[in-house]
Amino acid sequence: MTKYGFTRASSEVIAVRVELADDVVHALRRAGLPAFWDGEGSGGPEQPGAVVYVDPDAETASASVSVGWRCDTGLVQAAVDALASGSPLDAPAVRHPGMIGLHMQGALIGILLSAGIIATPENDRTNPDHVLVFGRMTDLPPALRPTFVPPGSRPGRA
């Protein structure tokens, strides 16, 4: 059982998820971004960067690996302080960390897709800036792999 009372995935399933999460961390680090696992070895909840999560539940309603962007604690604290002092939800200081997360979402997806990792935006109000990771392009059967090549991107063609 997981800490929320759900059945835990088998160790074989967790191992596959962990391998995918490792690929995500490595792809983001190769792009020059700070990336780490949630929890163990992450430097604590104050370390900014891309945070990779692995869902240990046996049944997941969506992707079992996800990525979120964590802003610097000073920026988050400024938002909390602004809220505590009565600033409205749409005040710049309050919105800024969330807007950064949404902008980083697109960048994270682009980086992961270019590394051959299938990633999409989270379609959930609780984590609107998170990225869902479903696997590697190589995990797909050849008939289902994307084949789109942008015009002008093939060598030797004008």
C-alpha atoms as a PDB file:
ATOM      1  CA  MET A   1       0.000   0.000   0.000  1.00  0.00           C
ATOM      2  CA  THR A   2       1.098   3.553  -0.672  1.00  0.00           C
ATOM      3  CA  LYS A   3       0.851   6.283   1.934  1.00  0.00           C
ATOM      4  CA  TYR A   4      -2.583   7.235   0.571  1.00  0.00           C
ATOM      5  CA  GLY A   5      -4.000   3.712   0.859  1.00  0.00           C
ATOM      6  CA  PHE A   6      -3.722   2.700  -2.797  1.00  0.00           C
ATOM      7  CA  THR A   7      -2.216  -0.577  -3.918  1.00  0.00           C
ATOM      8  CA  ARG A   8       1.477  -0.156  -4.696  1.00  0.00           C
ATOM      9  CA  ALA A   9       2.801  -1.102  -8.129  1.00  0.00           C
ATOM     10  CA  SER A  10       5.010  -4.176  -8.353  1.00  0.00           C
ATOM     11  CA  SER A  11       8.760  -3.764  -8.031  1.00  0.00           C
ATOM     12  CA  GLU A  12       9.106  -4.555 -11.758  1.00  0.00           C
ATOM     13  CA  VAL A  13       6.695  -1.753 -12.694  1.00  0.00           C
ATOM     14  CA  ILE A  14       8.399   0.685 -10.299  1.00  0.00           C
ATOM     15  CA  ALA A  15      11.769  -0.210 -11.857  1.00  0.00           C
ATOM     16  CA  VAL A  16      10.473   0.714 -15.339  1.00  0.00           C
ATOM     17  CA  ARG A  17       9.087   4.002 -14.006  1.00  0.00           C
ATOM     18  CA  VAL A  18      12.362   4.793 -12.245  1.00  0.00           C
ATOM     19  CA  GLU A  19      14.310   4.099 -15.446  1.00  0.00           C
ATOM     20  CA  LEU A  20      12.033   6.487 -17.360  1.00  0.00           C
ATOM     21  CA  ALA A  21      12.392   9.117 -14.622  1.00  0.00           C
ATOM     22  CA  ASP A  22      16.201   8.740 -14.826  1.00  0.00           C
ATOM     23  CA  ASP A  23      15.992   9.344 -18.587  1.00  0.00           C
ATOM     24  CA  VAL A  24      13.947  12.499 -17.931  1.00  0.00           C
ATOM     25  CA  VAL A  25      16.449  13.820 -15.374  1.00  0.00           C
ATOM     26  CA  HIS A  26      19.382  13.118 -17.723  1.00  0.00           C
ATOM     27  CA  ALA A  27      17.644  14.743 -20.725  1.00  0.00           C
ATOM     28  CA  LEU A  28      16.920  17.900 -18.741  1.00  0.00           C
ATOM     29  CA  ARG A  29      20.440  18.039 -17.295  1.00  0.00           C
ATOM     30  CA  ARG A  30      21.948  17.613 -20.773  1.00  0.00           C
ATOM     31  CA  ALA A  31      19.913  20.672 -21.767  1.00  0.00           C
ATOM     32  CA  GLY A  32      21.556  22.588 -18.930  1.00  0.00           C
ATOM     33  CA  LEU A  33      18.636  22.671 -16.506  1.00  0.00           C
ATOM     34  CA  PRO A  34      18.847  21.738 -12.844  1.00  0.00           C
ATOM     35  CA  ALA A  35      16.835  18.511 -12.609  1.00  0.00           C
ATOM     36  CA  PHE A  36      16.416  16.042  -9.767  1.00  0.00           C
ATOM     37  CA  TRP A  37      14.122  13.479  -8.207  1.00  0.00           C
ATOM     38  CA  ASP A  38      11.484  14.555  -5.720  1.00  0.00           C
ATOM     39  CA  GLY A  39      12.667  13.656  -2.237  1.00  0.00           C
ATOM     40  CA  GLU A  40      15.785  11.533  -2.058  1.00  0.00           C
ATOM     41  CA  GLY A  41      18.918  13.439  -3.033  1.00  0.00           C
ATOM     42  CA  SER A  42      16.966  16.462  -4.250  1.00  0.00           C
ATOM     43  CA  GLY A  43      18.552  18.917  -1.854  1.00  0.00           C
ATOM     44  CA  GLY A  44      15.267  19.384  -0.068  1.00  0.00           C
ATOM     45  CA  PRO A  45      12.116  21.316  -0.863  1.00  0.00           C
ATOM     46  CA  GLU A  46      14.103  24.525  -1.335  1.00  0.00           C
ATOM     47  CA  GLN A  47      16.161  23.478  -4.369  1.00  0.00           C
ATOM     48  CA  PRO A  48      14.879  25.212  -7.524  1.00  0.00           C
ATOM     49  CA  GLY A  49      14.677  23.435 -10.865  1.00  0.00           C
ATOM     50  CA  ALA A  50      12.853  20.596 -12.585  1.00  0.00           C
ATOM     51  CA  VAL A  51      11.449  18.129 -10.072  1.00  0.00           C
ATOM     52  CA  VAL A  52      10.699  14.614 -11.374  1.00  0.00           C
ATOM     53  CA  TYR A  53       8.008  12.574  -9.626  1.00  0.00           C
ATOM     54  CA  VAL A  54       7.326   8.826  -9.850  1.00  0.00           C
ATOM     55  CA  ASP A  55       3.856   7.638  -8.846  1.00  0.00           C
ATOM     56  CA  PRO A  56       4.133   4.359  -6.887  1.00  0.00           C
ATOM     57  CA  ASP A  57       0.432   3.496  -7.224  1.00  0.00           C
ATOM     58  CA  ALA A  58      -0.492   0.337  -9.123  1.00  0.00           C
ATOM     59  CA  GLU A  59      -3.326   2.111 -10.924  1.00  0.00           C
ATOM     60  CA  THR A  60      -2.715   5.592 -12.239  1.00  0.00           C
ATOM     61  CA  ALA A  61      -5.336   7.772 -13.855  1.00  0.00           C
ATOM     62  CA  SER A  62      -2.661   9.355 -16.000  1.00  0.00           C
ATOM     63  CA  ALA A  63       1.113   9.189 -16.444  1.00  0.00           C
ATOM     64  CA  SER A  64       3.132   7.542 -13.700  1.00  0.00           C
ATOM     65  CA  VAL A  65       6.058   9.970 -14.200  1.00  0.00           C
ATOM     66  CA  SER A  66       5.657  13.743 -14.133  1.00  0.00           C
ATOM     67  CA  VAL A  67       7.809  16.866 -13.981  1.00  0.00           C
ATOM     68  CA  GLY A  68       7.165  20.188 -12.287  1.00  0.00           C
ATOM     69  CA  TRP A  69       9.178  23.398 -12.080  1.00  0.00           C
ATOM     70  CA  ARG A  70      10.181  24.702  -8.654  1.00  0.00           C
ATOM     71  CA  CYS A  71      11.058  28.411  -8.420  1.00  0.00           C
ATOM     72  CA  ASP A  72      13.576  29.871  -6.018  1.00  0.00           C
ATOM     73  CA  THR A  73      12.248  29.945  -2.456  1.00  0.00           C
ATOM     74  CA  GLY A  74      12.668  33.733  -2.272  1.00  0.00           C
ATOM     75  CA  LEU A  75      10.240  34.184  -5.145  1.00  0.00           C
ATOM     76  CA  VAL A  76       7.724  31.782  -3.617  1.00  0.00           C
ATOM     77  CA  GLN A  77       8.084  33.462  -0.212  1.00  0.00           C
ATOM     78  CA  ALA A  78       7.411  36.866  -1.817  1.00  0.00           C
ATOM     79  CA  ALA A  79       4.155  35.467  -3.226  1.00  0.00           C
ATOM     80  CA  VAL A  80       3.161  34.041   0.161  1.00  0.00           C
ATOM     81  CA  ASP A  81       3.994  37.325   1.876  1.00  0.00           C
ATOM     82  CA  ALA A  82       1.959  39.263  -0.681  1.00  0.00           C
ATOM     83  CA  LEU A  83      -1.034  37.002  -0.075  1.00  0.00           C
ATOM     84  CA  ALA A  84      -0.619  37.263   3.697  1.00  0.00           C
ATOM     85  CA  SER A  85      -0.599  41.055   3.465  1.00  0.00           C
ATOM     86  CA  GLY A  86      -3.910  41.026   1.575  1.00  0.00           C
ATOM     87  CA  SER A  87      -2.774  41.286  -2.036  1.00  0.00           C
ATOM     88  CA  PRO A  88      -5.323  39.985  -4.538  1.00  0.00           C
ATOM     89  CA  LEU A  89      -4.728  36.675  -6.322  1.00  0.00           C
ATOM     90  CA  ASP A  90      -3.951  38.495  -9.565  1.00  0.00           C
ATOM     91  CA  ALA A  91      -1.243  40.715  -8.046  1.00  0.00           C
ATOM     92  CA  PRO A  92       2.055  40.424  -9.966  1.00  0.00           C
ATOM     93  CA  ALA A  93       4.001  39.130  -6.938  1.00  0.00           C
ATOM     94  CA  VAL A  94       1.397  36.419  -6.384  1.00  0.00           C
ATOM     95  CA  ARG A  95       1.106  35.348 -10.028  1.00  0.00           C
ATOM     96  CA  HIS A  96       4.804  35.411 -10.901  1.00  0.00           C
ATOM     97  CA  PRO A  97       5.843  31.928  -9.621  1.00  0.00           C
ATOM     98  CA  GLY A  98       2.852  30.287 -11.338  1.00  0.00           C
ATOM     99  CA  MET A  99       3.515  32.094 -14.595  1.00  0.00           C
ATOM    100  CA  ILE A 100       7.131  30.949 -14.528  1.00  0.00           C
ATOM    101  CA  GLY A 101       5.928  27.376 -14.029  1.00  0.00           C
ATOM    102  CA  LEU A 102       3.585  27.634 -17.010  1.00  0.00           C
ATOM    103  CA  HIS A 103       6.336  29.091 -19.218  1.00  0.00           C
ATOM    104  CA  MET A 104       8.755  26.378 -18.111  1.00  0.00           C
ATOM    105  CA  GLN A 105       6.161  23.712 -18.889  1.00  0.00           C
ATOM    106  CA  GLY A 106       6.432  24.432 -22.608  1.00  0.00           C
ATOM    107  CA  ALA A 107      10.230  24.438 -22.457  1.00  0.00           C
ATOM    108  CA  LEU A 108      10.321  21.150 -20.526  1.00  0.00           C
ATOM    109  CA  ILE A 109       7.973  19.491 -23.020  1.00  0.00           C
ATOM    110  CA  GLY A 110      10.046  20.699 -25.976  1.00  0.00           C
ATOM    111  CA  ILE A 111      13.294  19.483 -24.425  1.00  0.00           C
ATOM    112  CA  LEU A 112      11.839  16.073 -23.565  1.00  0.00           C
ATOM    113  CA  LEU A 113      10.243  15.592 -26.987  1.00  0.00           C
ATOM    114  CA  SER A 114      13.512  16.483 -28.702  1.00  0.00           C
ATOM    115  CA  ALA A 115      15.221  13.861 -26.513  1.00  0.00           C
ATOM    116  CA  GLY A 116      12.741  11.212 -27.695  1.00  0.00           C
ATOM    117  CA  ILE A 117      10.592  11.219 -24.556  1.00  0.00           C
ATOM    118  CA  ILE A 118       6.807  11.440 -24.906  1.00  0.00           C
ATOM    119  CA  ALA A 119       5.617  14.385 -22.798  1.00  0.00           C
ATOM    120  CA  THR A 120       2.425  16.445 -22.676  1.00  0.00           C
ATOM    121  CA  PRO A 121       1.005  19.235 -20.509  1.00  0.00           C
ATOM    122  CA  GLU A 122      -0.881  18.217 -17.373  1.00  0.00           C
ATOM    123  CA  ASN A 123      -4.572  18.816 -17.914  1.00  0.00           C
ATOM    124  CA  ASP A 124      -5.455  19.208 -14.256  1.00  0.00           C
ATOM    125  CA  ARG A 125      -6.278  22.247 -12.153  1.00  0.00           C
ATOM    126  CA  THR A 126      -4.268  20.971  -9.174  1.00  0.00           C
ATOM    127  CA  ASN A 127      -0.966  20.923 -11.116  1.00  0.00           C
ATOM    128  CA  PRO A 128      -1.585  23.019 -14.241  1.00  0.00           C
ATOM    129  CA  ASP A 129       2.116  23.611 -14.831  1.00  0.00           C
ATOM    130  CA  HIS A 130       3.210  19.972 -14.585  1.00  0.00           C
ATOM    131  CA  VAL A 131       4.361  17.830 -17.495  1.00  0.00           C
ATOM    132  CA  LEU A 132       3.177  14.239 -17.907  1.00  0.00           C
ATOM    133  CA  VAL A 133       5.724  11.716 -19.189  1.00  0.00           C
ATOM    134  CA  PHE A 134       4.412   8.571 -20.856  1.00  0.00           C
ATOM    135  CA  GLY A 135       7.505   6.835 -22.204  1.00  0.00           C
ATOM    136  CA  ARG A 136      10.089   6.951 -24.942  1.00  0.00           C
ATOM    137  CA  MET A 137       9.404   7.242 -28.659  1.00  0.00           C
ATOM    138  CA  THR A 138      11.306   3.974 -29.050  1.00  0.00           C
ATOM    139  CA  ASP A 139       8.707   2.298 -26.790  1.00  0.00           C
ATOM    140  CA  LEU A 140       6.078   2.871 -29.479  1.00  0.00           C
ATOM    141  CA  PRO A 141       5.613   0.365 -32.278  1.00  0.00           C
ATOM    142  CA  PRO A 142       7.166   1.719 -35.500  1.00  0.00           C
ATOM    143  CA  ALA A 143       3.726   2.324 -37.039  1.00  0.00           C
ATOM    144  CA  LEU A 144       2.812   4.700 -34.178  1.00  0.00           C
ATOM    145  CA  ARG A 145       6.055   6.693 -34.002  1.00  0.00           C
ATOM    146  CA  PRO A 146       5.868  10.310 -35.166  1.00  0.00           C
ATOM    147  CA  THR A 147       7.388  10.797 -38.601  1.00  0.00           C
ATOM    148  CA  PHE A 148       6.791  14.514 -39.162  1.00  0.00           C
ATOM    149  CA  VAL A 149       9.854  16.360 -40.429  1.00  0.00           C
ATOM    150  CA  PRO A 150       9.512  20.154 -40.527  1.00  0.00           C
ATOM    151  CA  PRO A 151       9.929  21.632 -44.015  1.00  0.00           C
ATOM    152  CA  GLY A 152      13.489  22.647 -44.770  1.00  0.00           C
ATOM    153  CA  SER A 153      14.976  20.599 -41.932  1.00  0.00           C
ATOM    154  CA  ARG A 154      16.363  17.761 -44.061  1.00  0.00           C
ATOM    155  CA  PRO A 155      20.025  18.140 -44.976  1.00  0.00           C
ATOM    156  CA  GLY A 156      20.679  18.988 -48.604  1.00  0.00           C
ATOM    157  CA  ARG A 157      17.207  20.437 -49.198  1.00  0.00           C
ATOM    158  CA  ALA A 158      16.440  24.082 -49.573  1.00  0.00           C
END
